[in-house]
Amino acid sequence: MRKKKQQPPRPRTMASLDRFEDELAVLIVDGREQTRRREELPPGVREGDVLDLETLTVDPEATERLRAEVRQAREQAMKNKAPPPGDFDL
């Protein structure tokens, strides 16, 4: 009897939550926007969270990696630049 070859695990489809628009959540999947009803997402999900689309759960490690990348890109973009004039915070 031949032993079946094990298939490598299928890569998970991940999405980052870009924003909420009323009752819709706008997700970024492979660089493209995709919408889901807000109620389909897990409670407490926030903009910037990374979701596994198969299980609709937040991936905390991927979320932290994405946030670190964004922080680093923001710091690099602001390097050697004067802050904007005025008395406000973004």
N, C-alpha and C. Protein backbone atom coordinates (compact mmCIF):
# COMPACT_ATOMS: atom_id res chain seq x y z
N MET A 1 0.85 -1.18 0.00
CA MET A 1 0.00 0.00 0.00
C MET A 1 0.90 1.25 0.00
N ARG A 2 0.57 2.17 -0.86
CA ARG A 2 1.34 3.41 -0.96
C ARG A 2 0.89 4.42 0.07
N LYS A 3 1.86 5.08 0.58
CA LYS A 3 1.55 6.14 1.55
C LYS A 3 1.29 7.43 0.78
N LYS A 4 0.21 8.09 1.13
CA LYS A 4 -0.13 9.34 0.47
C LYS A 4 0.87 10.42 0.84
N LYS A 5 1.23 11.20 -0.16
CA LYS A 5 2.10 12.35 0.10
C LYS A 5 1.30 13.39 0.86
N GLN A 6 1.91 13.89 1.91
CA GLN A 6 1.23 14.95 2.64
C GLN A 6 1.39 16.26 1.90
N GLN A 7 0.29 16.94 1.74
CA GLN A 7 0.30 18.25 1.10
C GLN A 7 0.81 19.27 2.10
N PRO A 8 1.63 20.22 1.64
CA PRO A 8 2.05 21.28 2.56
C PRO A 8 0.83 22.10 2.97
N PRO A 9 0.88 22.65 4.17
CA PRO A 9 -0.27 23.43 4.61
C PRO A 9 -0.51 24.61 3.67
N ARG A 10 -1.76 24.86 3.40
CA ARG A 10 -2.15 25.96 2.53
C ARG A 10 -1.91 27.28 3.25
N PRO A 11 -1.30 28.26 2.58
CA PRO A 11 -1.10 29.54 3.26
C PRO A 11 -2.43 30.19 3.61
N ARG A 12 -2.45 30.78 4.78
CA ARG A 12 -3.68 31.44 5.22
C ARG A 12 -3.86 32.75 4.48
N THR A 13 -5.10 33.10 4.23
CA THR A 13 -5.40 34.39 3.61
C THR A 13 -5.58 35.39 4.74
N MET A 14 -4.73 36.40 4.74
CA MET A 14 -4.75 37.41 5.79
C MET A 14 -5.22 38.74 5.21
N ALA A 15 -5.80 39.55 6.07
CA ALA A 15 -6.27 40.87 5.68
C ALA A 15 -6.01 41.84 6.82
N SER A 16 -5.72 43.08 6.47
CA SER A 16 -5.62 44.10 7.51
C SER A 16 -6.88 44.95 7.46
N LEU A 17 -7.36 45.29 8.64
CA LEU A 17 -8.56 46.12 8.73
C LEU A 17 -8.15 47.57 8.54
N ASP A 18 -8.53 48.14 7.41
CA ASP A 18 -8.14 49.51 7.07
C ASP A 18 -9.02 50.53 7.79
N ARG A 19 -10.33 50.33 7.70
CA ARG A 19 -11.23 51.32 8.29
C ARG A 19 -12.65 50.76 8.35
N PHE A 20 -13.48 51.47 9.11
CA PHE A 20 -14.90 51.19 9.15
C PHE A 20 -15.63 52.30 8.40
N GLU A 21 -16.62 51.93 7.62
CA GLU A 21 -17.50 52.89 6.96
C GLU A 21 -18.92 52.46 7.31
N ASP A 22 -19.50 53.17 8.27
CA ASP A 22 -20.82 52.82 8.79
C ASP A 22 -20.81 51.35 9.24
N GLU A 23 -21.63 50.51 8.62
CA GLU A 23 -21.73 49.12 9.05
C GLU A 23 -20.82 48.19 8.25
N LEU A 24 -19.93 48.78 7.43
CA LEU A 24 -18.99 47.97 6.66
C LEU A 24 -17.58 48.10 7.21
N ALA A 25 -16.83 47.02 7.10
CA ALA A 25 -15.40 47.03 7.42
C ALA A 25 -14.67 46.94 6.09
N VAL A 26 -13.70 47.82 5.89
CA VAL A 26 -12.90 47.80 4.67
C VAL A 26 -11.59 47.10 5.01
N LEU A 27 -11.37 45.97 4.35
CA LEU A 27 -10.18 45.16 4.57
C LEU A 27 -9.24 45.29 3.37
N ILE A 28 -7.96 45.17 3.63
CA ILE A 28 -6.97 45.14 2.56
C ILE A 28 -6.47 43.70 2.45
N VAL A 29 -6.73 43.10 1.29
CA VAL A 29 -6.34 41.72 1.03
C VAL A 29 -5.48 41.73 -0.24
N ASP A 30 -4.23 41.34 -0.10
CA ASP A 30 -3.31 41.32 -1.24
C ASP A 30 -3.31 42.66 -1.99
N GLY A 31 -3.33 43.75 -1.24
CA GLY A 31 -3.26 45.08 -1.85
C GLY A 31 -4.57 45.60 -2.41
N ARG A 32 -5.64 44.85 -2.26
CA ARG A 32 -6.96 45.28 -2.78
C ARG A 32 -7.95 45.41 -1.65
N GLU A 33 -8.86 46.36 -1.83
CA GLU A 33 -9.91 46.55 -0.82
C GLU A 33 -11.00 45.51 -0.99
N GLN A 34 -11.48 45.06 0.14
CA GLN A 34 -12.58 44.10 0.19
C GLN A 34 -13.45 44.52 1.37
N THR A 35 -14.74 44.42 1.24
CA THR A 35 -15.61 44.81 2.36
C THR A 35 -16.29 43.59 2.95
N ARG A 36 -16.55 43.70 4.23
CA ARG A 36 -17.33 42.71 4.99
C ARG A 36 -18.27 43.48 5.89
N ARG A 37 -19.34 42.84 6.25
CA ARG A 37 -20.22 43.48 7.22
C ARG A 37 -19.50 43.53 8.56
N ARG A 38 -19.62 44.64 9.22
CA ARG A 38 -18.94 44.83 10.51
C ARG A 38 -19.31 43.75 11.50
N GLU A 39 -20.55 43.32 11.47
CA GLU A 39 -21.03 42.31 12.41
C GLU A 39 -20.39 40.94 12.20
N GLU A 40 -19.77 40.70 11.04
CA GLU A 40 -19.10 39.42 10.78
C GLU A 40 -17.75 39.33 11.50
N LEU A 41 -17.20 40.47 11.88
CA LEU A 41 -15.87 40.50 12.48
C LEU A 41 -15.96 40.25 13.98
N PRO A 42 -14.87 39.80 14.59
CA PRO A 42 -14.90 39.51 16.02
C PRO A 42 -15.10 40.79 16.84
N PRO A 43 -15.73 40.67 18.00
CA PRO A 43 -15.93 41.83 18.86
C PRO A 43 -14.58 42.43 19.25
N GLY A 44 -14.52 43.75 19.29
CA GLY A 44 -13.31 44.43 19.74
C GLY A 44 -12.26 44.61 18.68
N VAL A 45 -12.51 44.15 17.45
CA VAL A 45 -11.53 44.32 16.39
C VAL A 45 -11.35 45.81 16.11
N ARG A 46 -10.09 46.19 15.82
CA ARG A 46 -9.78 47.62 15.62
C ARG A 46 -9.10 47.83 14.27
N GLU A 47 -9.15 49.06 13.82
CA GLU A 47 -8.43 49.42 12.60
C GLU A 47 -6.96 49.10 12.81
N GLY A 48 -6.33 48.49 11.81
CA GLY A 48 -4.93 48.11 11.91
C GLY A 48 -4.73 46.66 12.33
N ASP A 49 -5.78 45.99 12.82
CA ASP A 49 -5.66 44.59 13.18
C ASP A 49 -5.52 43.73 11.93
N VAL A 50 -4.81 42.62 12.05
CA VAL A 50 -4.65 41.67 10.96
C VAL A 50 -5.55 40.47 11.27
N LEU A 51 -6.37 40.10 10.29
CA LEU A 51 -7.34 39.02 10.46
C LEU A 51 -7.03 37.84 9.56
N ASP A 52 -7.25 36.65 10.09
CA ASP A 52 -7.22 35.44 9.29
C ASP A 52 -8.62 35.32 8.68
N LEU A 53 -8.73 35.38 7.36
CA LEU A 53 -10.04 35.40 6.72
C LEU A 53 -10.78 34.07 6.79
N GLU A 54 -10.06 32.98 7.00
CA GLU A 54 -10.74 31.69 7.10
C GLU A 54 -11.44 31.53 8.43
N THR A 55 -10.81 32.00 9.49
CA THR A 55 -11.39 31.84 10.83
C THR A 55 -12.00 33.13 11.36
N LEU A 56 -11.75 34.24 10.66
CA LEU A 56 -12.18 35.57 11.10
C LEU A 56 -11.77 35.85 12.54
N THR A 57 -10.49 35.57 12.80
CA THR A 57 -9.91 35.88 14.10
C THR A 57 -8.74 36.82 13.91
N VAL A 58 -8.44 37.59 14.94
CA VAL A 58 -7.30 38.50 14.91
C VAL A 58 -6.03 37.71 15.15
N ASP A 59 -5.02 37.97 14.34
CA ASP A 59 -3.71 37.35 14.53
C ASP A 59 -2.84 38.38 15.25
N PRO A 60 -2.65 38.23 16.57
CA PRO A 60 -1.94 39.25 17.34
C PRO A 60 -0.49 39.45 16.91
N GLU A 61 0.19 38.35 16.53
CA GLU A 61 1.59 38.48 16.12
C GLU A 61 1.70 39.25 14.80
N ALA A 62 0.85 38.92 13.84
CA ALA A 62 0.86 39.62 12.55
C ALA A 62 0.46 41.08 12.73
N THR A 63 -0.47 41.34 13.64
CA THR A 63 -0.90 42.71 13.92
C THR A 63 0.27 43.52 14.46
N GLU A 64 1.00 42.95 15.40
CA GLU A 64 2.14 43.67 15.97
C GLU A 64 3.23 43.89 14.94
N ARG A 65 3.48 42.91 14.08
CA ARG A 65 4.47 43.09 13.01
C ARG A 65 4.07 44.22 12.08
N LEU A 66 2.80 44.27 11.70
CA LEU A 66 2.31 45.34 10.82
C LEU A 66 2.44 46.70 11.50
N ARG A 67 2.06 46.78 12.76
CA ARG A 67 2.18 48.06 13.49
C ARG A 67 3.63 48.51 13.59
N ALA A 68 4.55 47.56 13.81
CA ALA A 68 5.98 47.90 13.88
C ALA A 68 6.47 48.41 12.53
N GLU A 69 6.03 47.77 11.44
CA GLU A 69 6.41 48.23 10.10
C GLU A 69 5.90 49.65 9.84
N VAL A 70 4.68 49.92 10.24
CA VAL A 70 4.09 51.26 10.04
C VAL A 70 4.85 52.29 10.87
N ARG A 71 5.16 51.95 12.13
CA ARG A 71 5.93 52.87 12.98
C ARG A 71 7.28 53.19 12.35
N GLN A 72 7.95 52.15 11.88
CA GLN A 72 9.27 52.33 11.28
C GLN A 72 9.18 53.18 10.01
N ALA A 73 8.19 52.94 9.19
CA ALA A 73 8.02 53.73 7.96
C ALA A 73 7.72 55.19 8.30
N ARG A 74 6.89 55.40 9.33
CA ARG A 74 6.56 56.77 9.74
C ARG A 74 7.81 57.49 10.26
N GLU A 75 8.59 56.80 11.08
CA GLU A 75 9.83 57.39 11.61
C GLU A 75 10.80 57.72 10.48
N GLN A 76 10.93 56.82 9.52
CA GLN A 76 11.83 57.04 8.39
C GLN A 76 11.34 58.22 7.55
N ALA A 77 10.04 58.33 7.36
CA ALA A 77 9.49 59.43 6.56
C ALA A 77 9.70 60.78 7.25
N MET A 78 9.68 60.78 8.58
CA MET A 78 9.81 62.03 9.33
C MET A 78 11.26 62.38 9.66
N LYS A 79 12.18 61.46 9.35
CA LYS A 79 13.59 61.68 9.67
C LYS A 79 14.08 62.95 8.97
N ASN A 80 14.73 63.80 9.77
CA ASN A 80 15.30 65.06 9.26
C ASN A 80 14.26 66.04 8.73
N LYS A 81 13.01 65.90 9.15
CA LYS A 81 11.98 66.85 8.73
C LYS A 81 11.50 67.60 9.97
N ALA A 82 11.26 68.88 9.78
CA ALA A 82 10.73 69.69 10.88
C ALA A 82 9.26 69.35 11.08
N PRO A 83 8.81 69.33 12.34
CA PRO A 83 7.39 69.08 12.57
C PRO A 83 6.55 70.21 11.97
N PRO A 84 5.31 69.93 11.60
CA PRO A 84 4.46 70.97 11.01
C PRO A 84 4.20 72.05 12.05
N PRO A 85 4.01 73.30 11.57
CA PRO A 85 3.73 74.39 12.52
C PRO A 85 2.35 74.22 13.15
N GLY A 86 2.19 74.80 14.29
CA GLY A 86 0.88 74.75 14.96
C GLY A 86 0.94 73.97 16.23
N ASP A 87 -0.18 73.98 16.92
CA ASP A 87 -0.27 73.32 18.23
C ASP A 87 -1.33 72.24 18.16
N PHE A 88 -1.02 71.15 17.47
CA PHE A 88 -1.97 70.05 17.39
C PHE A 88 -1.22 68.74 17.32
N ASP A 89 -1.94 67.68 17.58
CA ASP A 89 -1.39 66.33 17.59
C ASP A 89 -2.18 65.47 16.62
N LEU A 90 -1.51 64.64 15.86
CA LEU A 90 -2.21 63.72 14.96
C LEU A 90 -2.32 62.36 15.58
